[in-house]
PDB file of N, CA and C in Angstrom:
ATOM      1  N   LEU A   1     141.977  73.405 169.240  1.00  0.00           N
ATOM      2  CA  LEU A   1     142.523  74.245 168.191  1.00  0.00           C
ATOM      3  C   LEU A   1     141.578  75.379 167.829  1.00  0.00           C
ATOM      4  N   PHE A   2     140.301  75.139 167.844  1.00  0.00           N
ATOM      5  CA  PHE A   2     139.354  76.165 167.426  1.00  0.00           C
ATOM      6  C   PHE A   2     138.679  76.827 168.620  1.00  0.00           C
ATOM      7  N   ASP A   3     139.424  77.040 169.698  1.00  0.00           N
ATOM      8  CA  ASP A   3     138.854  77.669 170.877  1.00  0.00           C
ATOM      9  C   ASP A   3     138.392  79.092 170.600  1.00  0.00           C
ATOM     10  N   PHE A   4     138.951  79.753 169.578  1.00  0.00           N
ATOM     11  CA  PHE A   4     138.533  81.108 169.235  1.00  0.00           C
ATOM     12  C   PHE A   4     137.111  81.153 168.702  1.00  0.00           C
ATOM     13  N   ALA A   5     136.614  80.049 168.165  1.00  0.00           N
ATOM     14  CA  ALA A   5     135.284  80.029 167.562  1.00  0.00           C
ATOM     15  C   ALA A   5     134.189  80.244 168.600  1.00  0.00           C
ATOM     16  N   ARG A   6     134.469  79.906 169.849  1.00  0.00           N
ATOM     17  CA  ARG A   6     133.481  80.082 170.915  1.00  0.00           C
ATOM     18  C   ARG A   6     133.525  81.478 171.516  1.00  0.00           C
ATOM     19  N   GLN A   7     134.541  82.243 171.195  1.00  0.00           N
ATOM     20  CA  GLN A   7     134.730  83.552 171.806  1.00  0.00           C
ATOM     21  C   GLN A   7     134.215  84.657 170.896  1.00  0.00           C
ATOM     22  N   ARG A   8     133.716  85.681 171.494  1.00  0.00           N
ATOM     23  CA  ARG A   8     133.223  86.841 170.743  1.00  0.00           C
ATOM     24  C   ARG A   8     134.186  88.017 170.945  1.00  0.00           C
ATOM     25  N   GLY A   9     134.142  88.944 170.039  1.00  0.00           N
ATOM     26  CA  GLY A   9     134.859  90.202 170.196  1.00  0.00           C
ATOM     27  C   GLY A   9     136.366  90.063 170.230  1.00  0.00           C
ATOM     28  N   VAL A  10     136.980  90.873 171.081  1.00  0.00           N
ATOM     29  CA  VAL A  10     138.435  90.961 171.157  1.00  0.00           C
ATOM     30  C   VAL A  10     139.062  89.630 171.552  1.00  0.00           C
ATOM     31  N   ASP A  11     138.472  88.924 172.513  1.00  0.00           N
ATOM     32  CA  ASP A  11     139.034  87.633 172.925  1.00  0.00           C
ATOM     33  C   ASP A  11     139.090  86.661 171.762  1.00  0.00           C
ATOM     34  N   GLY A  12     138.038  86.604 170.987  1.00  0.00           N
ATOM     35  CA  GLY A  12     138.013  85.712 169.834  1.00  0.00           C
ATOM     36  C   GLY A  12     139.081  86.066 168.818  1.00  0.00           C
ATOM     37  N   GLU A  13     139.278  87.358 168.586  1.00  0.00           N
ATOM     38  CA  GLU A  13     140.306  87.785 167.631  1.00  0.00           C
ATOM     39  C   GLU A  13     141.701  87.470 168.157  1.00  0.00           C
ATOM     40  N   ARG A  14     141.916  87.657 169.441  1.00  0.00           N
ATOM     41  CA  ARG A  14     143.224  87.313 170.026  1.00  0.00           C
ATOM     42  C   ARG A  14     143.520  85.828 169.850  1.00  0.00           C
ATOM     43  N   LEU A  15     142.546  85.004 170.152  1.00  0.00           N
ATOM     44  CA  LEU A  15     142.741  83.561 170.017  1.00  0.00           C
ATOM     45  C   LEU A  15     142.944  83.170 168.557  1.00  0.00           C
ATOM     46  N   ALA A  16     142.219  83.806 167.660  1.00  0.00           N
ATOM     47  CA  ALA A  16     142.398  83.522 166.233  1.00  0.00           C
ATOM     48  C   ALA A  16     143.807  83.896 165.786  1.00  0.00           C
ATOM     49  N   GLN A  17     144.331  85.026 166.277  1.00  0.00           N
ATOM     50  CA  GLN A  17     145.685  85.444 165.919  1.00  0.00           C
ATOM     51  C   GLN A  17     146.716  84.456 166.452  1.00  0.00           C
ATOM     52  N   ILE A  18     146.534  83.989 167.675  1.00  0.00           N
ATOM     53  CA  ILE A  18     147.450  82.990 168.237  1.00  0.00           C
ATOM     54  C   ILE A  18     147.441  81.740 167.370  1.00  0.00           C
ATOM     55  N   ASN A  19     146.261  81.304 166.941  1.00  0.00           N
ATOM     56  CA  ASN A  19     146.171  80.126 166.073  1.00  0.00           C
ATOM     57  C   ASN A  19     146.884  80.359 164.749  1.00  0.00           C
ATOM     58  N   ARG A  20     146.757  81.572 164.190  1.00  0.00           N
ATOM     59  CA  ARG A  20     147.467  81.882 162.941  1.00  0.00           C
ATOM     60  C   ARG A  20     148.974  81.853 163.152  1.00  0.00           C
ATOM     61  N   TRP A  21     149.454  82.410 164.268  1.00  0.00           N
ATOM     62  CA  TRP A  21     150.890  82.387 164.564  1.00  0.00           C
ATOM     63  C   TRP A  21     151.380  80.956 164.734  1.00  0.00           C
ATOM     64  N   GLU A  22     150.583  80.155 165.446  1.00  0.00           N
ATOM     65  CA  GLU A  22     150.973  78.763 165.672  1.00  0.00           C
ATOM     66  C   GLU A  22     151.060  77.998 164.350  1.00  0.00           C
ATOM     67  N   LEU A  23     150.107  78.205 163.463  1.00  0.00           N
ATOM     68  CA  LEU A  23     150.136  77.547 162.159  1.00  0.00           C
ATOM     69  C   LEU A  23     151.348  78.009 161.347  1.00  0.00           C
ATOM     70  N   THR A  24     151.640  79.303 161.370  1.00  0.00           N
ATOM     71  CA  THR A  24     152.801  79.820 160.645  1.00  0.00           C
ATOM     72  C   THR A  24     154.084  79.229 161.200  1.00  0.00           C
ATOM     73  N   LEU A  25     154.185  79.113 162.515  1.00  0.00           N
ATOM     74  CA  LEU A  25     155.371  78.515 163.127  1.00  0.00           C
ATOM     75  C   LEU A  25     155.508  77.058 162.717  1.00  0.00           C
ATOM     76  N   GLU A  26     154.421  76.305 162.790  1.00  0.00           N
ATOM     77  CA  GLU A  26     154.468  74.900 162.373  1.00  0.00           C
ATOM     78  C   GLU A  26     154.880  74.781 160.912  1.00  0.00           C
ATOM     79  N   THR A  27     154.383  75.682 160.079  1.00  0.00           N
ATOM     80  CA  THR A  27     154.743  75.678 158.660  1.00  0.00           C
ATOM     81  C   THR A  27     156.230  75.938 158.486  1.00  0.00           C
ATOM     82  N   ALA A  28     156.740  76.949 159.179  1.00  0.00           N
ATOM     83  CA  ALA A  28     158.165  77.288 159.082  1.00  0.00           C
ATOM     84  C   ALA A  28     159.044  76.153 159.586  1.00  0.00           C
ATOM     85  N   LEU A  29     158.667  75.548 160.705  1.00  0.00           N
ATOM     86  CA  LEU A  29     159.478  74.468 161.274  1.00  0.00           C
ATOM     87  C   LEU A  29     159.437  73.211 160.414  1.00  0.00           C
ATOM     88  N   SER A  30     158.420  73.090 159.561  1.00  0.00           N
ATOM     89  CA  SER A  30     158.352  71.927 158.674  1.00  0.00           C
ATOM     90  C   SER A  30     159.188  72.121 157.411  1.00  0.00           C
ATOM     91  N   GLY A  31     159.795  73.310 157.278  1.00  0.00           N
ATOM     92  CA  GLY A  31     160.673  73.555 156.144  1.00  0.00           C
ATOM     93  C   GLY A  31     160.059  74.346 155.009  1.00  0.00           C
ATOM     94  N   VAL A  32     158.795  74.709 155.141  1.00  0.00           N
ATOM     95  CA  VAL A  32     158.126  75.502 154.111  1.00  0.00           C
ATOM     96  C   VAL A  32     158.462  76.979 154.350  1.00  0.00           C
ATOM     97  N   PRO A  33     158.898  77.699 153.311  1.00  0.00           N
ATOM     98  CA  PRO A  33     159.247  79.111 153.493  1.00  0.00           C
ATOM     99  C   PRO A  33     158.037  79.951 153.918  1.00  0.00           C
ATOM    100  N   VAL A  34     158.268  80.854 154.859  1.00  0.00           N
ATOM    101  CA  VAL A  34     157.252  81.809 155.302  1.00  0.00           C
ATOM    102  C   VAL A  34     157.867  83.201 155.258  1.00  0.00           C
ATOM    103  N   GLY A  35     157.037  84.225 155.312  1.00  0.00           N
ATOM    104  CA  GLY A  35     157.530  85.584 155.181  1.00  0.00           C
ATOM    105  C   GLY A  35     157.881  86.287 156.479  1.00  0.00           C
ATOM    106  N   GLN A  36     157.361  85.813 157.605  1.00  0.00           N
ATOM    107  CA  GLN A  36     157.603  86.485 158.874  1.00  0.00           C
ATOM    108  C   GLN A  36     159.035  86.247 159.348  1.00  0.00           C
ATOM    109  N   PRO A  37     159.836  87.304 159.529  1.00  0.00           N
ATOM    110  CA  PRO A  37     161.241  87.137 159.912  1.00  0.00           C
ATOM    111  C   PRO A  37     161.458  86.328 161.191  1.00  0.00           C
ATOM    112  N   VAL A  38     160.598  86.510 162.186  1.00  0.00           N
ATOM    113  CA  VAL A  38     160.800  85.770 163.435  1.00  0.00           C
ATOM    114  C   VAL A  38     160.645  84.268 163.206  1.00  0.00           C
ATOM    115  N   PHE A  39     159.721  83.876 162.356  1.00  0.00           N
ATOM    116  CA  PHE A  39     159.522  82.457 162.087  1.00  0.00           C
ATOM    117  C   PHE A  39     160.619  81.895 161.196  1.00  0.00           C
ATOM    118  N   VAL A  40     161.127  82.722 160.288  1.00  0.00           N
ATOM    119  CA  VAL A  40     162.265  82.303 159.464  1.00  0.00           C
ATOM    120  C   VAL A  40     163.461  82.022 160.364  1.00  0.00           C
ATOM    121  N   ARG A  41     163.703  82.906 161.328  1.00  0.00           N
ATOM    122  CA  ARG A  41     164.829  82.720 162.255  1.00  0.00           C
ATOM    123  C   ARG A  41     164.616  81.494 163.141  1.00  0.00           C
ATOM    124  N   MET A  42     163.400  81.296 163.622  1.00  0.00           N
ATOM    125  CA  MET A  42     163.125  80.118 164.451  1.00  0.00           C
ATOM    126  C   MET A  42     163.346  78.839 163.658  1.00  0.00           C
ATOM    127  N   ALA A  43     162.964  78.835 162.386  1.00  0.00           N
ATOM    128  CA  ALA A  43     163.180  77.650 161.545  1.00  0.00           C
ATOM    129  C   ALA A  43     164.672  77.395 161.361  1.00  0.00           C
ATOM    130  N   ARG A  44     165.449  78.462 161.190  1.00  0.00           N
ATOM    131  CA  ARG A  44     166.898  78.308 161.052  1.00  0.00           C
ATOM    132  C   ARG A  44     167.488  77.706 162.335  1.00  0.00           C
ATOM    133  N   GLU A  45     167.054  78.215 163.471  1.00  0.00           N
ATOM    134  CA  GLU A  45     167.535  77.682 164.750  1.00  0.00           C
ATOM    135  C   GLU A  45     167.070  76.240 164.958  1.00  0.00           C
ATOM    136  N   GLU A  46     165.874  75.917 164.464  1.00  0.00           N
ATOM    137  CA  GLU A  46     165.343  74.548 164.562  1.00  0.00           C
ATOM    138  C   GLU A  46     166.277  73.567 163.863  1.00  0.00           C
ATOM    139  N   ARG A  47     166.835  73.974 162.732  1.00  0.00           N
ATOM    140  CA  ARG A  47     167.761  73.094 162.014  1.00  0.00           C
ATOM    141  C   ARG A  47     169.053  72.893 162.802  1.00  0.00           C
ATOM    142  N   ARG A  48     169.455  73.900 163.564  1.00  0.00           N
ATOM    143  CA  ARG A  48     170.673  73.783 164.374  1.00  0.00           C
ATOM    144  C   ARG A  48     170.436  72.925 165.616  1.00  0.00           C
ATOM    145  N   ARG A  49     169.323  73.181 166.283  1.00  0.00           N
ATOM    146  CA  ARG A  49     168.974  72.449 167.506  1.00  0.00           C
ATOM    147  C   ARG A  49     167.455  72.476 167.646  1.00  0.00           C
ATOM    148  N   ALA A  50     166.865  71.307 167.586  1.00  0.00           N
ATOM    149  CA  ALA A  50     165.396  71.197 167.541  1.00  0.00           C
ATOM    150  C   ALA A  50     164.728  71.804 168.775  1.00  0.00           C
ATOM    151  N   TRP A  51     163.627  72.498 168.519  1.00  0.00           N
ATOM    152  CA  TRP A  51     162.797  73.010 169.604  1.00  0.00           C
ATOM    153  C   TRP A  51     161.966  71.843 170.144  1.00  0.00           C
ATOM    154  N   PRO A  52     161.854  71.698 171.451  1.00  0.00           N
ATOM    155  CA  PRO A  52     160.988  70.648 171.997  1.00  0.00           C
ATOM    156  C   PRO A  52     159.520  70.951 171.656  1.00  0.00           C
ATOM    157  N   THR A  53     158.863  70.018 171.017  1.00  0.00           N
ATOM    158  CA  THR A  53     157.470  70.213 170.606  1.00  0.00           C
ATOM    159  C   THR A  53     156.576  70.520 171.802  1.00  0.00           C
ATOM    160  N   ALA A  54     156.797  69.830 172.898  1.00  0.00           N
ATOM    161  CA  ALA A  54     155.972  70.061 174.090  1.00  0.00           C
ATOM    162  C   ALA A  54     156.134  71.491 174.603  1.00  0.00           C
ATOM    163  N   ALA A  55     157.334  72.026 174.506  1.00  0.00           N
ATOM    164  CA  ALA A  55     157.571  73.400 174.963  1.00  0.00           C
ATOM    165  C   ALA A  55     156.839  74.401 174.074  1.00  0.00           C
ATOM    166  N   LEU A  56     156.872  74.185 172.765  1.00  0.00           N
ATOM    167  CA  LEU A  56     156.150  75.080 171.857  1.00  0.00           C
ATOM    168  C   LEU A  56     154.644  74.992 172.091  1.00  0.00           C
ATOM    169  N   ASP A  57     154.145  73.795 172.351  1.00  0.00           N
ATOM    170  CA  ASP A  57     152.719  73.625 172.654  1.00  0.00           C
ATOM    171  C   ASP A  57     152.346  74.364 173.937  1.00  0.00           C
ATOM    172  N   GLU A  58     153.223  74.315 174.932  1.00  0.00           N
ATOM    173  CA  GLU A  58     152.958  74.991 176.204  1.00  0.00           C
ATOM    174  C   GLU A  58     152.959  76.508 176.026  1.00  0.00           C
ATOM    175  N   ILE A  59     153.850  77.021 175.191  1.00  0.00           N
ATOM    176  CA  ILE A  59     153.865  78.463 174.919  1.00  0.00           C
ATOM    177  C   ILE A  59     152.541  78.889 174.292  1.00  0.00           C
ATOM    178  N   ALA A  60     152.052  78.126 173.331  1.00  0.00           N
ATOM    179  CA  ALA A  60     150.773  78.448 172.686  1.00  0.00           C
ATOM    180  C   ALA A  60     149.625  78.360 173.691  1.00  0.00           C
ATOM    181  N   ALA A  61     149.635  77.340 174.536  1.00  0.00           N
ATOM    182  CA  ALA A  61     148.581  77.193 175.544  1.00  0.00           C
ATOM    183  C   ALA A  61     148.607  78.364 176.528  1.00  0.00           C
ATOM    184  N   CYS A  62     149.797  78.773 176.921  1.00  0.00           N
ATOM    185  CA  CYS A  62     149.936  79.912 177.830  1.00  0.00           C
ATOM    186  C   CYS A  62     149.411  81.186 177.176  1.00  0.00           C
ATOM    187  N   ALA A  63     149.730  81.384 175.910  1.00  0.00           N
ATOM    188  CA  ALA A  63     149.240  82.568 175.195  1.00  0.00           C
ATOM    189  C   ALA A  63     147.716  82.578 175.147  1.00  0.00           C
ATOM    190  N   ARG A  64     147.116  81.420 174.924  1.00  0.00           N
ATOM    191  CA  ARG A  64     145.644  81.346 174.895  1.00  0.00           C
ATOM    192  C   ARG A  64     145.053  81.682 176.262  1.00  0.00           C
ATOM    193  N   ARG A  65     145.659  81.139 177.315  1.00  0.00           N
ATOM    194  CA  ARG A  65     145.148  81.437 178.664  1.00  0.00           C
ATOM    195  C   ARG A  65     145.236  82.933 178.950  1.00  0.00           C
ATOM    196  N   ARG A  66     146.344  83.546 178.586  1.00  0.00           N
ATOM    197  CA  ARG A  66     146.525  84.980 178.832  1.00  0.00           C
ATOM    198  C   ARG A  66     145.560  85.815 177.993  1.00  0.00           C
ATOM    199  N   ALA A  67     145.247  85.354 176.794  1.00  0.00           N
ATOM    200  CA  ALA A  67     144.359  86.116 175.912  1.00  0.00           C
ATOM    201  C   ALA A  67     142.943  86.210 176.456  1.00  0.00           C
ATOM    202  N   ILE A  68     142.503  85.197 177.183  1.00  0.00           N
ATOM    203  CA  ILE A  68     141.116  85.208 177.668  1.00  0.00           C
ATOM    204  C   ILE A  68     141.015  85.490 179.160  1.00  0.00           C
ATOM    205  N   ARG A  69     142.141  85.773 179.793  1.00  0.00           N
ATOM    206  CA  ARG A  69     142.123  86.095 181.223  1.00  0.00           C
ATOM    207  C   ARG A  69     141.443  87.445 181.425  1.00  0.00           C
ATOM    208  N   PRO A  70     140.563  87.531 182.429  1.00  0.00           N
ATOM    209  CA  PRO A  70     139.876  88.818 182.683  1.00  0.00           C
ATOM    210  C   PRO A  70     140.818  89.885 183.214  1.00  0.00           C
TER     211      PRO A  70
END
């Protein structure tokens, strides 16, 4: 979760932003209101048909890999 702490500069900021997005998404999917429209919409869709947790985890992992790729 704290992989950004080991990174310096732009890579560290990218990873920190991904972690913030992931936390906001988890918050929205748990039913707590958030302000970001994309997360509000994802939470609404979650109530209609649940997002697979493993798939969301893989998306976050992929984003982290892409953020630190040379």
